[in-house]
């Protein structure tokens, strides 16, 4: 199989195993951006707790932007790295306000996906993964976020070159999968990575992809 065929087969096998994920309620693009910054190096529960506390303490994005750094850090401490994430959030909100005259990102809907991604990655601290999450989950635009699970699993299967870095993997993998599958394959790869294709001790015998996986084939032959 070539790369696109392998990607399509991977998608189908994971749909057979897990089904098609239900679309979660959309956050606004700015909310999604802030939530994604908070999610870095933590789990979903801690991210959500930090986000909820942030919005309770500072109900508007202007209040978040202008908040004293120590109070902002206290609000988001459950997400960890508060002294880094707080300034990253405020810098992003300031940039948006300066460029747009108000704190909103809905204007990105009118741009091509690649152009919208470039605009977002101009925000300090916003990389291709964060940009892709905002586009896919909030704006219904074709983008393929590559987190640590997606990166690991696609490398093991053989969909992406083994030594390709994560930054390049976003564009490459977006070209391997069909845009109409981005949402489902992104979430199903994450689920597989968390439950079976773990970083240290992958449970290959239980994996629905083991018949097409390079890693499993190599392990069997050792």
N, C-alpha and C. Protein backbone atom coordinates (compact mmCIF):
# COMPACT_ATOMS: atom_id res chain seq x y z
N UNK A 1 0.83 -1.20 0.00
CA UNK A 1 0.00 0.00 0.00
C UNK A 1 0.87 1.25 0.00
N UNK A 2 0.44 2.27 -0.76
CA UNK A 2 1.14 3.54 -0.65
C UNK A 2 0.62 4.30 0.57
N UNK A 3 1.19 5.49 0.81
CA UNK A 3 0.86 6.22 2.03
C UNK A 3 -0.60 6.55 2.17
N UNK A 4 -1.24 7.01 1.08
CA UNK A 4 -2.64 7.39 1.16
C UNK A 4 -3.54 6.17 1.34
N UNK A 5 -3.16 5.06 0.72
CA UNK A 5 -3.94 3.83 0.91
C UNK A 5 -3.82 3.34 2.35
N UNK A 6 -2.61 3.43 2.89
CA UNK A 6 -2.40 3.02 4.28
C UNK A 6 -3.17 3.93 5.23
N UNK A 7 -3.19 5.21 4.94
CA UNK A 7 -3.95 6.16 5.76
C UNK A 7 -5.44 5.85 5.70
N UNK A 8 -5.95 5.57 4.51
CA UNK A 8 -7.38 5.26 4.36
C UNK A 8 -7.73 3.97 5.09
N UNK A 9 -6.85 2.97 5.00
CA UNK A 9 -7.08 1.70 5.68
C UNK A 9 -7.06 1.89 7.20
N UNK A 10 -6.14 2.70 7.67
CA UNK A 10 -6.06 3.01 9.10
C UNK A 10 -7.36 3.64 9.58
N UNK A 11 -7.82 4.63 8.83
CA UNK A 11 -9.08 5.29 9.20
C UNK A 11 -10.22 4.29 9.27
N UNK A 12 -10.35 3.43 8.28
CA UNK A 12 -11.47 2.49 8.25
C UNK A 12 -11.39 1.48 9.39
N UNK A 13 -10.20 0.97 9.66
CA UNK A 13 -10.05 0.01 10.75
C UNK A 13 -10.38 0.63 12.11
N UNK A 14 -10.02 1.89 12.29
CA UNK A 14 -10.31 2.56 13.56
C UNK A 14 -11.79 2.89 13.68
N UNK A 15 -12.43 3.22 12.57
CA UNK A 15 -13.88 3.43 12.60
C UNK A 15 -14.58 2.10 12.93
N UNK A 16 -14.08 1.02 12.36
CA UNK A 16 -14.65 -0.30 12.67
C UNK A 16 -14.51 -0.61 14.16
N UNK A 17 -13.40 -0.20 14.74
CA UNK A 17 -13.12 -0.50 16.15
C UNK A 17 -13.84 0.46 17.10
N UNK A 18 -13.75 1.75 16.81
CA UNK A 18 -14.23 2.77 17.74
C UNK A 18 -15.50 3.50 17.29
N UNK A 19 -15.83 3.39 16.02
CA UNK A 19 -16.93 4.17 15.49
C UNK A 19 -16.50 5.57 15.11
N UNK A 20 -17.45 6.35 14.60
CA UNK A 20 -17.18 7.74 14.27
C UNK A 20 -17.40 8.60 15.51
N UNK A 21 -16.40 9.36 15.92
CA UNK A 21 -16.57 10.20 17.12
C UNK A 21 -17.69 11.22 16.93
N UNK A 22 -18.42 11.47 18.00
CA UNK A 22 -19.45 12.49 17.98
C UNK A 22 -18.81 13.87 18.06
N UNK A 23 -19.26 14.77 17.21
CA UNK A 23 -18.73 16.13 17.27
C UNK A 23 -19.10 16.76 18.61
N UNK A 24 -18.11 17.29 19.28
CA UNK A 24 -18.38 17.95 20.56
C UNK A 24 -18.88 19.38 20.29
N UNK A 25 -19.58 19.97 21.26
CA UNK A 25 -20.05 21.35 21.08
C UNK A 25 -18.87 22.29 20.80
N UNK A 26 -19.06 23.17 19.85
CA UNK A 26 -17.98 24.09 19.49
C UNK A 26 -17.78 25.16 20.56
N UNK A 27 -16.53 25.46 20.85
CA UNK A 27 -16.18 26.69 21.56
C UNK A 27 -16.00 27.78 20.51
N UNK A 28 -16.04 29.03 20.93
CA UNK A 28 -15.69 30.10 20.01
C UNK A 28 -14.21 29.95 19.65
N UNK A 29 -13.76 30.51 18.54
CA UNK A 29 -12.35 30.36 18.16
C UNK A 29 -11.38 30.87 19.23
N UNK A 30 -11.70 32.00 19.87
CA UNK A 30 -10.81 32.52 20.92
C UNK A 30 -10.81 31.58 22.12
N UNK A 31 -11.98 31.08 22.49
CA UNK A 31 -12.07 30.13 23.61
C UNK A 31 -11.27 28.87 23.30
N UNK A 32 -11.37 28.38 22.07
CA UNK A 32 -10.63 27.19 21.67
C UNK A 32 -9.14 27.45 21.73
N UNK A 33 -8.72 28.63 21.30
CA UNK A 33 -7.31 28.99 21.35
C UNK A 33 -6.79 28.97 22.78
N UNK A 34 -7.51 29.62 23.67
CA UNK A 34 -7.07 29.68 25.07
C UNK A 34 -7.10 28.29 25.70
N UNK A 35 -8.14 27.54 25.44
CA UNK A 35 -8.23 26.18 25.98
C UNK A 35 -7.07 25.31 25.50
N UNK A 36 -6.69 25.47 24.24
CA UNK A 36 -5.60 24.67 23.69
C UNK A 36 -4.27 25.06 24.30
N UNK A 37 -4.05 26.35 24.53
CA UNK A 37 -2.83 26.78 25.21
C UNK A 37 -2.78 26.16 26.61
N UNK A 38 -3.91 26.15 27.30
CA UNK A 38 -3.95 25.56 28.64
C UNK A 38 -3.72 24.06 28.63
N UNK A 39 -4.04 23.40 27.52
CA UNK A 39 -3.95 21.94 27.45
C UNK A 39 -2.53 21.43 27.31
N UNK A 40 -1.60 22.29 27.01
CA UNK A 40 -0.23 21.85 26.76
C UNK A 40 0.38 21.23 28.01
N UNK A 41 0.90 20.02 27.87
CA UNK A 41 1.57 19.31 28.96
C UNK A 41 0.69 19.05 30.17
N UNK A 42 -0.59 18.83 29.92
CA UNK A 42 -1.48 18.44 31.01
C UNK A 42 -2.61 17.60 30.44
N UNK A 43 -3.50 17.13 31.31
CA UNK A 43 -4.61 16.31 30.82
C UNK A 43 -5.87 17.15 30.65
N UNK A 44 -6.89 16.54 30.04
CA UNK A 44 -8.10 17.28 29.72
C UNK A 44 -8.80 17.80 30.97
N UNK A 45 -8.80 17.02 32.05
CA UNK A 45 -9.49 17.42 33.27
C UNK A 45 -8.85 18.68 33.86
N UNK A 46 -7.53 18.69 33.96
CA UNK A 46 -6.86 19.87 34.52
C UNK A 46 -7.01 21.08 33.61
N UNK A 47 -6.99 20.85 32.30
CA UNK A 47 -7.22 21.95 31.35
C UNK A 47 -8.59 22.57 31.57
N UNK A 48 -9.62 21.71 31.67
CA UNK A 48 -10.98 22.21 31.81
C UNK A 48 -11.18 22.94 33.13
N UNK A 49 -10.58 22.43 34.19
CA UNK A 49 -10.67 23.11 35.49
C UNK A 49 -10.05 24.49 35.41
N UNK A 50 -8.88 24.57 34.79
CA UNK A 50 -8.20 25.86 34.67
C UNK A 50 -9.01 26.83 33.82
N UNK A 51 -9.56 26.32 32.73
CA UNK A 51 -10.34 27.19 31.84
C UNK A 51 -11.58 27.72 32.56
N UNK A 52 -12.29 26.83 33.26
CA UNK A 52 -13.50 27.26 33.96
C UNK A 52 -13.19 28.30 35.04
N UNK A 53 -12.10 28.09 35.78
CA UNK A 53 -11.72 29.05 36.81
C UNK A 53 -11.33 30.39 36.19
N UNK A 54 -10.61 30.32 35.08
CA UNK A 54 -10.22 31.54 34.38
C UNK A 54 -11.45 32.36 34.00
N UNK A 55 -12.45 31.70 33.41
CA UNK A 55 -13.64 32.43 32.95
C UNK A 55 -14.50 32.93 34.11
N UNK A 56 -14.47 32.20 35.22
CA UNK A 56 -15.20 32.66 36.41
C UNK A 56 -14.56 33.92 36.98
N UNK A 57 -13.24 33.94 37.02
CA UNK A 57 -12.52 35.08 37.61
C UNK A 57 -12.45 36.27 36.67
N UNK A 58 -12.41 36.00 35.37
CA UNK A 58 -12.28 37.07 34.37
C UNK A 58 -13.28 36.78 33.24
N UNK A 59 -14.52 37.24 33.38
CA UNK A 59 -15.59 36.84 32.45
C UNK A 59 -15.41 37.28 31.00
N UNK A 60 -14.65 38.32 30.74
CA UNK A 60 -14.45 38.76 29.35
C UNK A 60 -12.99 38.57 28.96
N UNK A 61 -12.75 38.46 27.66
CA UNK A 61 -11.36 38.29 27.19
C UNK A 61 -10.54 39.56 27.43
N UNK A 62 -11.20 40.70 27.45
CA UNK A 62 -10.49 41.94 27.77
C UNK A 62 -9.99 41.91 29.21
N UNK A 63 -10.79 41.36 30.11
CA UNK A 63 -10.36 41.23 31.50
C UNK A 63 -9.20 40.24 31.63
N UNK A 64 -9.24 39.16 30.87
CA UNK A 64 -8.12 38.21 30.87
C UNK A 64 -6.86 38.89 30.35
N UNK A 65 -6.99 39.62 29.26
CA UNK A 65 -5.84 40.31 28.65
C UNK A 65 -5.19 41.28 29.63
N UNK A 66 -6.02 41.98 30.41
CA UNK A 66 -5.52 43.06 31.27
C UNK A 66 -5.29 42.63 32.71
N UNK A 67 -5.50 41.37 33.02
CA UNK A 67 -5.39 40.90 34.40
C UNK A 67 -3.94 40.98 34.89
N UNK A 68 -3.75 41.24 36.17
CA UNK A 68 -2.40 41.14 36.74
C UNK A 68 -1.86 39.72 36.56
N UNK A 69 -0.60 39.62 36.21
CA UNK A 69 -0.04 38.31 35.87
C UNK A 69 -0.17 37.31 37.01
N UNK A 70 0.02 37.77 38.24
CA UNK A 70 -0.04 36.83 39.36
C UNK A 70 -1.45 36.28 39.58
N UNK A 71 -2.47 37.12 39.36
CA UNK A 71 -3.85 36.66 39.52
C UNK A 71 -4.25 35.72 38.38
N UNK A 72 -3.74 36.01 37.19
CA UNK A 72 -4.02 35.12 36.06
C UNK A 72 -3.37 33.76 36.29
N UNK A 73 -2.13 33.78 36.74
CA UNK A 73 -1.41 32.53 37.00
C UNK A 73 -2.13 31.70 38.06
N UNK A 74 -2.64 32.36 39.09
CA UNK A 74 -3.37 31.66 40.15
C UNK A 74 -4.63 31.01 39.59
N UNK A 75 -5.29 31.68 38.65
CA UNK A 75 -6.54 31.16 38.09
C UNK A 75 -6.32 29.90 37.26
N UNK A 76 -5.15 29.79 36.62
CA UNK A 76 -4.93 28.67 35.69
C UNK A 76 -3.93 27.66 36.23
N UNK A 77 -3.64 27.71 37.52
CA UNK A 77 -2.56 26.89 38.08
C UNK A 77 -2.84 25.39 37.95
N UNK A 78 -4.10 24.98 37.89
CA UNK A 78 -4.39 23.55 37.78
C UNK A 78 -3.91 22.97 36.45
N UNK A 79 -3.70 23.83 35.44
CA UNK A 79 -3.20 23.34 34.15
C UNK A 79 -1.68 23.21 34.13
N UNK A 80 -1.01 23.68 35.18
CA UNK A 80 0.44 23.63 35.22
C UNK A 80 1.08 24.68 34.34
N UNK A 81 2.36 24.94 34.60
CA UNK A 81 3.14 25.91 33.81
C UNK A 81 2.42 27.26 33.71
N UNK A 82 1.78 27.66 34.79
CA UNK A 82 0.95 28.86 34.76
C UNK A 82 1.74 30.11 34.41
N UNK A 83 3.01 30.17 34.84
CA UNK A 83 3.83 31.35 34.57
C UNK A 83 4.26 31.44 33.11
N UNK A 84 4.10 30.35 32.37
CA UNK A 84 4.35 30.38 30.93
C UNK A 84 3.04 30.54 30.15
N UNK A 85 2.03 29.82 30.57
CA UNK A 85 0.77 29.84 29.83
C UNK A 85 0.04 31.17 29.99
N UNK A 86 0.13 31.77 31.17
CA UNK A 86 -0.53 33.05 31.39
C UNK A 86 -0.05 34.12 30.42
N UNK A 87 1.27 34.37 30.34
CA UNK A 87 1.77 35.35 29.38
C UNK A 87 1.46 34.98 27.93
N UNK A 88 1.49 33.68 27.61
CA UNK A 88 1.17 33.26 26.24
C UNK A 88 -0.26 33.63 25.88
N UNK A 89 -1.19 33.41 26.81
CA UNK A 89 -2.59 33.77 26.58
C UNK A 89 -2.75 35.27 26.42
N UNK A 90 -2.14 36.02 27.33
CA UNK A 90 -2.28 37.48 27.27
C UNK A 90 -1.63 38.06 26.01
N UNK A 91 -0.48 37.54 25.62
CA UNK A 91 0.16 38.03 24.40
C UNK A 91 -0.70 37.76 23.17
N UNK A 92 -1.32 36.58 23.14
CA UNK A 92 -2.20 36.25 22.02
C UNK A 92 -3.40 37.19 21.97
N UNK A 93 -4.01 37.44 23.11
CA UNK A 93 -5.18 38.31 23.16
C UNK A 93 -4.81 39.74 22.78
N UNK A 94 -3.65 40.20 23.20
CA UNK A 94 -3.20 41.55 22.84
C UNK A 94 -2.97 41.66 21.33
N UNK A 95 -2.36 40.65 20.77
CA UNK A 95 -2.09 40.67 19.33
C UNK A 95 -3.39 40.71 18.54
N UNK A 96 -4.33 39.87 18.95
CA UNK A 96 -5.62 39.82 18.25
C UNK A 96 -6.31 41.19 18.33
N UNK A 97 -6.31 41.77 19.53
CA UNK A 97 -6.97 43.06 19.71
C UNK A 97 -6.30 44.15 18.88
N UNK A 98 -4.97 44.12 18.83
CA UNK A 98 -4.25 45.14 18.06
C UNK A 98 -4.50 44.99 16.56
N UNK A 99 -4.56 43.76 16.10
CA UNK A 99 -4.74 43.51 14.67
C UNK A 99 -6.18 43.71 14.22
N UNK A 100 -7.12 43.35 15.09
CA UNK A 100 -8.52 43.32 14.69
C UNK A 100 -9.37 44.43 15.30
N UNK A 101 -8.84 45.10 16.33
CA UNK A 101 -9.63 46.12 17.00
C UNK A 101 -10.56 45.56 18.06
N UNK A 102 -10.66 44.25 18.13
CA UNK A 102 -11.44 43.57 19.15
C UNK A 102 -10.92 42.14 19.25
N UNK A 103 -11.30 41.45 20.32
CA UNK A 103 -10.79 40.10 20.55
C UNK A 103 -11.77 39.09 19.97
N UNK A 104 -11.60 38.76 18.72
CA UNK A 104 -12.41 37.75 18.04
C UNK A 104 -11.61 37.17 16.88
N UNK A 105 -11.95 35.95 16.50
CA UNK A 105 -11.25 35.26 15.42
C UNK A 105 -12.21 34.73 14.36
N UNK A 106 -13.46 35.11 14.43
CA UNK A 106 -14.44 34.58 13.47
C UNK A 106 -14.13 34.98 12.04
N UNK A 107 -13.39 36.07 11.85
CA UNK A 107 -13.03 36.51 10.51
C UNK A 107 -12.23 35.45 9.75
N UNK A 108 -11.59 34.53 10.49
CA UNK A 108 -10.79 33.50 9.83
C UNK A 108 -11.64 32.56 8.97
N UNK A 109 -12.94 32.50 9.24
CA UNK A 109 -13.82 31.63 8.45
C UNK A 109 -13.80 31.99 6.97
N UNK A 110 -13.52 33.24 6.67
CA UNK A 110 -13.55 33.70 5.28
C UNK A 110 -12.24 33.46 4.55
N UNK A 111 -11.23 32.95 5.26
CA UNK A 111 -9.92 32.74 4.66
C UNK A 111 -9.72 31.27 4.29
N UNK A 112 -8.88 30.99 3.30
CA UNK A 112 -8.50 29.59 3.05
C UNK A 112 -7.82 29.01 4.29
N UNK A 113 -7.93 27.71 4.46
CA UNK A 113 -7.40 27.06 5.67
C UNK A 113 -5.93 27.36 5.90
N UNK A 114 -5.12 27.29 4.86
CA UNK A 114 -3.68 27.52 5.03
C UNK A 114 -3.40 28.96 5.45
N UNK A 115 -4.12 29.90 4.86
CA UNK A 115 -3.93 31.31 5.22
C UNK A 115 -4.36 31.56 6.67
N UNK A 116 -5.47 30.94 7.07
CA UNK A 116 -5.93 31.09 8.45
C UNK A 116 -4.92 30.50 9.43
N UNK A 117 -4.32 29.36 9.06
CA UNK A 117 -3.30 28.76 9.92
C UNK A 117 -2.08 29.66 10.06
N UNK A 118 -1.65 30.26 8.96
CA UNK A 118 -0.51 31.18 9.01
C UNK A 118 -0.80 32.38 9.90
N UNK A 119 -2.04 32.89 9.85
CA UNK A 119 -2.40 34.02 10.69
C UNK A 119 -2.28 33.63 12.17
N UNK A 120 -2.79 32.47 12.50
CA UNK A 120 -2.75 32.03 13.89
C UNK A 120 -1.33 31.77 14.38
N UNK A 121 -0.50 31.21 13.53
CA UNK A 121 0.86 30.90 13.96
C UNK A 121 1.73 32.15 14.06
N UNK A 122 1.22 33.28 13.62
CA UNK A 122 1.91 34.55 13.88
C UNK A 122 1.77 34.98 15.33
N UNK A 123 0.82 34.38 16.04
CA UNK A 123 0.67 34.64 17.47
C UNK A 123 1.81 33.96 18.22
N UNK A 124 2.50 34.71 19.04
CA UNK A 124 3.63 34.15 19.79
C UNK A 124 3.15 33.00 20.68
N UNK A 125 3.81 31.86 20.56
CA UNK A 125 3.44 30.70 21.37
C UNK A 125 2.41 29.80 20.74
N UNK A 126 1.93 30.16 19.54
CA UNK A 126 0.95 29.33 18.84
C UNK A 126 1.64 28.62 17.69
N UNK A 127 1.71 27.31 17.78
CA UNK A 127 2.33 26.50 16.74
C UNK A 127 1.30 25.86 15.84
N UNK A 128 1.75 25.02 14.92
CA UNK A 128 0.82 24.42 13.96
C UNK A 128 -0.24 23.53 14.59
N UNK A 129 0.09 22.87 15.71
CA UNK A 129 -0.92 22.02 16.35
C UNK A 129 -2.06 22.86 16.93
N UNK A 130 -1.72 23.91 17.66
CA UNK A 130 -2.74 24.77 18.24
C UNK A 130 -3.60 25.40 17.15
N UNK A 131 -2.95 25.89 16.10
CA UNK A 131 -3.68 26.50 14.99
C UNK A 131 -4.64 25.49 14.36
N UNK A 132 -4.17 24.27 14.15
CA UNK A 132 -5.01 23.25 13.51
C UNK A 132 -6.20 22.88 14.39
N UNK A 133 -6.01 22.84 15.69
CA UNK A 133 -7.12 22.54 16.60
C UNK A 133 -8.19 23.62 16.53
N UNK A 134 -7.78 24.88 16.53
CA UNK A 134 -8.75 25.97 16.42
C UNK A 134 -9.52 25.87 15.11
N UNK A 135 -8.81 25.62 14.01
CA UNK A 135 -9.47 25.54 12.72
C UNK A 135 -10.43 24.36 12.64
N UNK A 136 -10.00 23.19 13.08
CA UNK A 136 -10.80 21.98 12.94
C UNK A 136 -11.98 21.96 13.91
N UNK A 137 -11.71 22.25 15.19
CA UNK A 137 -12.72 22.06 16.22
C UNK A 137 -13.67 23.24 16.38
N UNK A 138 -13.22 24.43 16.03
CA UNK A 138 -14.05 25.60 16.25
C UNK A 138 -14.60 26.22 14.97
N UNK A 139 -13.81 26.15 13.89
CA UNK A 139 -14.18 26.84 12.66
C UNK A 139 -14.63 25.90 11.54
N UNK A 140 -14.64 24.59 11.81
CA UNK A 140 -15.06 23.60 10.80
C UNK A 140 -14.24 23.72 9.52
N UNK A 141 -12.96 24.00 9.67
CA UNK A 141 -12.08 24.15 8.51
C UNK A 141 -11.14 22.95 8.45
N UNK A 142 -10.77 22.52 7.25
CA UNK A 142 -9.91 21.34 7.14
C UNK A 142 -8.50 21.61 7.66
N UNK A 143 -8.15 20.94 8.74
CA UNK A 143 -6.82 21.04 9.33
C UNK A 143 -6.57 19.75 10.08
N UNK A 144 -5.31 19.35 10.17
CA UNK A 144 -5.00 18.07 10.79
C UNK A 144 -4.04 18.28 11.96
N UNK A 145 -4.55 18.34 13.19
CA UNK A 145 -3.67 18.54 14.34
C UNK A 145 -2.85 17.28 14.64
N UNK A 146 -1.59 17.47 14.92
CA UNK A 146 -0.70 16.34 15.25
C UNK A 146 -0.20 16.52 16.68
N UNK A 147 -0.80 15.78 17.60
CA UNK A 147 -0.30 15.78 18.97
C UNK A 147 0.66 14.61 19.15
N UNK A 148 1.10 14.39 20.37
CA UNK A 148 2.12 13.36 20.61
C UNK A 148 1.61 11.96 20.26
N UNK A 149 0.32 11.69 20.49
CA UNK A 149 -0.23 10.37 20.17
C UNK A 149 -0.33 10.17 18.66
N UNK A 150 -0.87 11.16 17.96
CA UNK A 150 -0.99 11.07 16.51
C UNK A 150 0.39 10.91 15.87
N UNK A 151 1.35 11.66 16.37
CA UNK A 151 2.71 11.59 15.82
C UNK A 151 3.31 10.20 16.04
N UNK A 152 3.16 9.67 17.24
CA UNK A 152 3.74 8.36 17.55
C UNK A 152 3.08 7.25 16.74
N UNK A 153 1.76 7.24 16.72
CA UNK A 153 1.05 6.15 16.07
C UNK A 153 1.28 6.16 14.56
N UNK A 154 1.21 7.31 13.93
CA UNK A 154 1.41 7.36 12.47
C UNK A 154 2.83 6.98 12.09
N UNK A 155 3.78 7.26 12.98
CA UNK A 155 5.16 6.83 12.71
C UNK A 155 5.32 5.33 12.83
N UNK A 156 4.70 4.75 13.83
CA UNK A 156 4.80 3.30 14.02
C UNK A 156 4.12 2.55 12.88
N UNK A 157 2.96 3.02 12.48
CA UNK A 157 2.25 2.34 11.40
C UNK A 157 3.05 2.41 10.10
N UNK A 158 3.64 3.58 9.87
CA UNK A 158 4.38 3.79 8.63
C UNK A 158 3.72 4.78 7.69
N UNK A 159 2.74 5.52 8.21
CA UNK A 159 2.05 6.51 7.37
C UNK A 159 2.96 7.70 7.10
N UNK A 160 3.76 8.08 8.08
CA UNK A 160 4.72 9.18 7.89
C UNK A 160 6.13 8.64 8.00
N UNK A 161 7.10 9.31 7.36
CA UNK A 161 8.51 8.91 7.51
C UNK A 161 8.92 8.92 8.98
N UNK A 162 9.66 7.94 9.38
CA UNK A 162 10.00 7.72 10.78
C UNK A 162 10.71 8.92 11.41
N UNK A 163 11.59 9.58 10.66
CA UNK A 163 12.39 10.66 11.23
C UNK A 163 11.83 12.04 10.93
N UNK A 164 10.66 12.13 10.35
CA UNK A 164 10.03 13.42 10.09
C UNK A 164 9.62 14.06 11.42
N UNK A 165 9.97 15.35 11.60
CA UNK A 165 9.62 16.00 12.87
C UNK A 165 8.14 16.38 12.91
N UNK A 166 7.67 16.74 14.09
CA UNK A 166 6.24 16.99 14.28
C UNK A 166 5.76 18.19 13.47
N UNK A 167 6.59 19.21 13.35
CA UNK A 167 6.18 20.40 12.61
C UNK A 167 5.88 20.06 11.15
N UNK A 168 6.75 19.28 10.53
CA UNK A 168 6.54 18.89 9.14
C UNK A 168 5.41 17.87 9.00
N UNK A 169 5.18 17.11 10.07
CA UNK A 169 4.15 16.06 10.03
C UNK A 169 2.75 16.63 9.83
N UNK A 170 2.50 17.85 10.30
CA UNK A 170 1.17 18.44 10.13
C UNK A 170 0.80 18.52 8.65
N UNK A 171 1.67 19.11 7.86
CA UNK A 171 1.38 19.27 6.43
C UNK A 171 1.39 17.93 5.73
N UNK A 172 2.36 17.08 6.08
CA UNK A 172 2.48 15.78 5.41
C UNK A 172 1.25 14.92 5.67
N UNK A 173 0.85 14.79 6.93
CA UNK A 173 -0.28 13.91 7.25
C UNK A 173 -1.60 14.47 6.72
N UNK A 174 -1.70 15.77 6.68
CA UNK A 174 -2.91 16.37 6.09
C UNK A 174 -3.06 15.95 4.63
N UNK A 175 -1.94 15.70 3.98
CA UNK A 175 -1.97 15.26 2.60
C UNK A 175 -2.21 13.77 2.43
N UNK A 176 -2.01 13.01 3.49
CA UNK A 176 -2.21 11.56 3.42
C UNK A 176 -3.66 11.17 3.67
N UNK A 177 -4.29 11.85 4.61
CA UNK A 177 -5.68 11.55 4.95
C UNK A 177 -6.62 12.44 4.14
N UNK A 178 -7.80 11.94 3.87
CA UNK A 178 -8.82 12.73 3.20
C UNK A 178 -9.38 13.77 4.17
N UNK A 179 -9.54 15.03 3.72
CA UNK A 179 -10.02 16.08 4.63
C UNK A 179 -11.32 15.74 5.35
N UNK A 180 -12.20 14.97 4.73
CA UNK A 180 -13.46 14.64 5.38
C UNK A 180 -13.29 13.64 6.52
N UNK A 181 -12.09 13.09 6.67
CA UNK A 181 -11.82 12.15 7.77
C UNK A 181 -11.02 12.79 8.90
N UNK A 182 -10.59 14.04 8.75
CA UNK A 182 -9.65 14.64 9.71
C UNK A 182 -10.15 14.53 11.15
N UNK A 183 -11.39 14.90 11.39
CA UNK A 183 -11.91 14.91 12.75
C UNK A 183 -11.89 13.51 13.35
N UNK A 184 -12.45 12.56 12.62
CA UNK A 184 -12.55 11.20 13.14
C UNK A 184 -11.18 10.55 13.33
N UNK A 185 -10.31 10.68 12.34
CA UNK A 185 -9.02 9.99 12.46
C UNK A 185 -8.15 10.64 13.53
N UNK A 186 -8.25 11.95 13.67
CA UNK A 186 -7.50 12.64 14.73
C UNK A 186 -7.89 12.09 16.10
N UNK A 187 -9.19 12.04 16.38
CA UNK A 187 -9.64 11.58 17.69
C UNK A 187 -9.43 10.09 17.88
N UNK A 188 -9.62 9.31 16.83
CA UNK A 188 -9.43 7.86 16.97
C UNK A 188 -7.96 7.49 17.14
N UNK A 189 -7.06 8.21 16.48
CA UNK A 189 -5.63 7.96 16.69
C UNK A 189 -5.22 8.31 18.12
N UNK A 190 -5.77 9.39 18.65
CA UNK A 190 -5.48 9.76 20.04
C UNK A 190 -5.97 8.66 20.98
N UNK A 191 -7.17 8.18 20.75
CA UNK A 191 -7.70 7.10 21.61
C UNK A 191 -6.83 5.86 21.53
N UNK A 192 -6.43 5.50 20.33
CA UNK A 192 -5.55 4.33 20.17
C UNK A 192 -4.24 4.55 20.89
N UNK A 193 -3.67 5.75 20.77
CA UNK A 193 -2.40 6.05 21.42
C UNK A 193 -2.47 6.01 22.93
N UNK A 194 -3.60 6.42 23.47
CA UNK A 194 -3.76 6.42 24.92
C UNK A 194 -4.03 5.02 25.48
N UNK A 195 -4.82 4.24 24.74
CA UNK A 195 -5.28 2.96 25.28
C UNK A 195 -4.42 1.78 24.87
N UNK A 196 -3.84 1.80 23.68
CA UNK A 196 -3.14 0.62 23.15
C UNK A 196 -1.73 0.93 22.67
N UNK A 197 -1.59 1.89 21.78
CA UNK A 197 -0.27 2.19 21.19
C UNK A 197 0.49 3.15 22.09
N UNK A 198 0.76 2.69 23.30
CA UNK A 198 1.39 3.53 24.31
C UNK A 198 2.87 3.73 24.00
N UNK A 199 3.42 4.79 24.57
CA UNK A 199 4.80 5.15 24.24
C UNK A 199 5.78 4.05 24.65
N UNK A 200 5.66 3.52 25.86
CA UNK A 200 6.67 2.61 26.37
C UNK A 200 6.32 1.14 26.19
N UNK A 201 5.09 0.79 26.42
CA UNK A 201 4.71 -0.62 26.32
C UNK A 201 3.44 -0.76 25.48
N UNK A 202 3.56 -0.64 24.17
CA UNK A 202 2.37 -0.76 23.32
C UNK A 202 1.77 -2.17 23.40
N UNK A 203 0.45 -2.22 23.43
CA UNK A 203 -0.26 -3.49 23.54
C UNK A 203 -0.59 -4.00 22.13
N UNK A 204 0.45 -4.35 21.40
CA UNK A 204 0.30 -4.66 19.97
C UNK A 204 -0.65 -5.82 19.69
N UNK A 205 -0.68 -6.79 20.59
CA UNK A 205 -1.55 -7.95 20.36
C UNK A 205 -3.03 -7.55 20.35
N UNK A 206 -3.35 -6.46 21.03
CA UNK A 206 -4.74 -6.01 21.12
C UNK A 206 -5.09 -4.94 20.09
N UNK A 207 -4.16 -4.61 19.23
CA UNK A 207 -4.33 -3.45 18.35
C UNK A 207 -5.09 -3.80 17.07
N UNK A 208 -6.10 -3.01 16.72
CA UNK A 208 -6.85 -3.28 15.49
C UNK A 208 -6.04 -2.99 14.22
N UNK A 209 -4.87 -2.40 14.39
CA UNK A 209 -4.04 -2.06 13.24
C UNK A 209 -2.83 -2.97 13.07
N UNK A 210 -2.71 -4.01 13.90
CA UNK A 210 -1.45 -4.77 13.88
C UNK A 210 -1.18 -5.47 12.55
N UNK A 211 -2.21 -5.71 11.76
CA UNK A 211 -1.99 -6.38 10.47
C UNK A 211 -1.40 -5.45 9.42
N UNK A 212 -1.45 -4.14 9.67
CA UNK A 212 -0.90 -3.19 8.68
C UNK A 212 0.21 -2.34 9.27
N UNK A 213 0.67 -2.68 10.47
CA UNK A 213 1.61 -1.82 11.22
C UNK A 213 3.06 -2.25 11.03
N UNK A 214 3.90 -1.33 10.59
CA UNK A 214 5.33 -1.61 10.42
C UNK A 214 5.99 -1.99 11.74
N UNK A 215 5.65 -1.26 12.79
CA UNK A 215 6.26 -1.50 14.10
C UNK A 215 5.98 -2.92 14.58
N UNK A 216 4.72 -3.34 14.46
CA UNK A 216 4.35 -4.69 14.91
C UNK A 216 5.06 -5.76 14.07
N UNK A 217 5.15 -5.52 12.77
CA UNK A 217 5.81 -6.47 11.89
C UNK A 217 7.28 -6.61 12.25
N UNK A 218 7.93 -5.49 12.53
CA UNK A 218 9.35 -5.52 12.90
C UNK A 218 9.56 -6.20 14.24
N UNK A 219 8.64 -5.96 15.20
CA UNK A 219 8.75 -6.59 16.51
C UNK A 219 8.61 -8.11 16.38
N UNK A 220 7.72 -8.57 15.53
CA UNK A 220 7.52 -10.01 15.35
C UNK A 220 8.76 -10.68 14.77
N UNK A 221 9.48 -9.94 13.92
CA UNK A 221 10.61 -10.52 13.21
C UNK A 221 11.93 -10.43 13.96
N UNK A 222 11.88 -9.83 15.15
CA UNK A 222 13.13 -9.72 15.92
C UNK A 222 13.38 -10.97 16.75
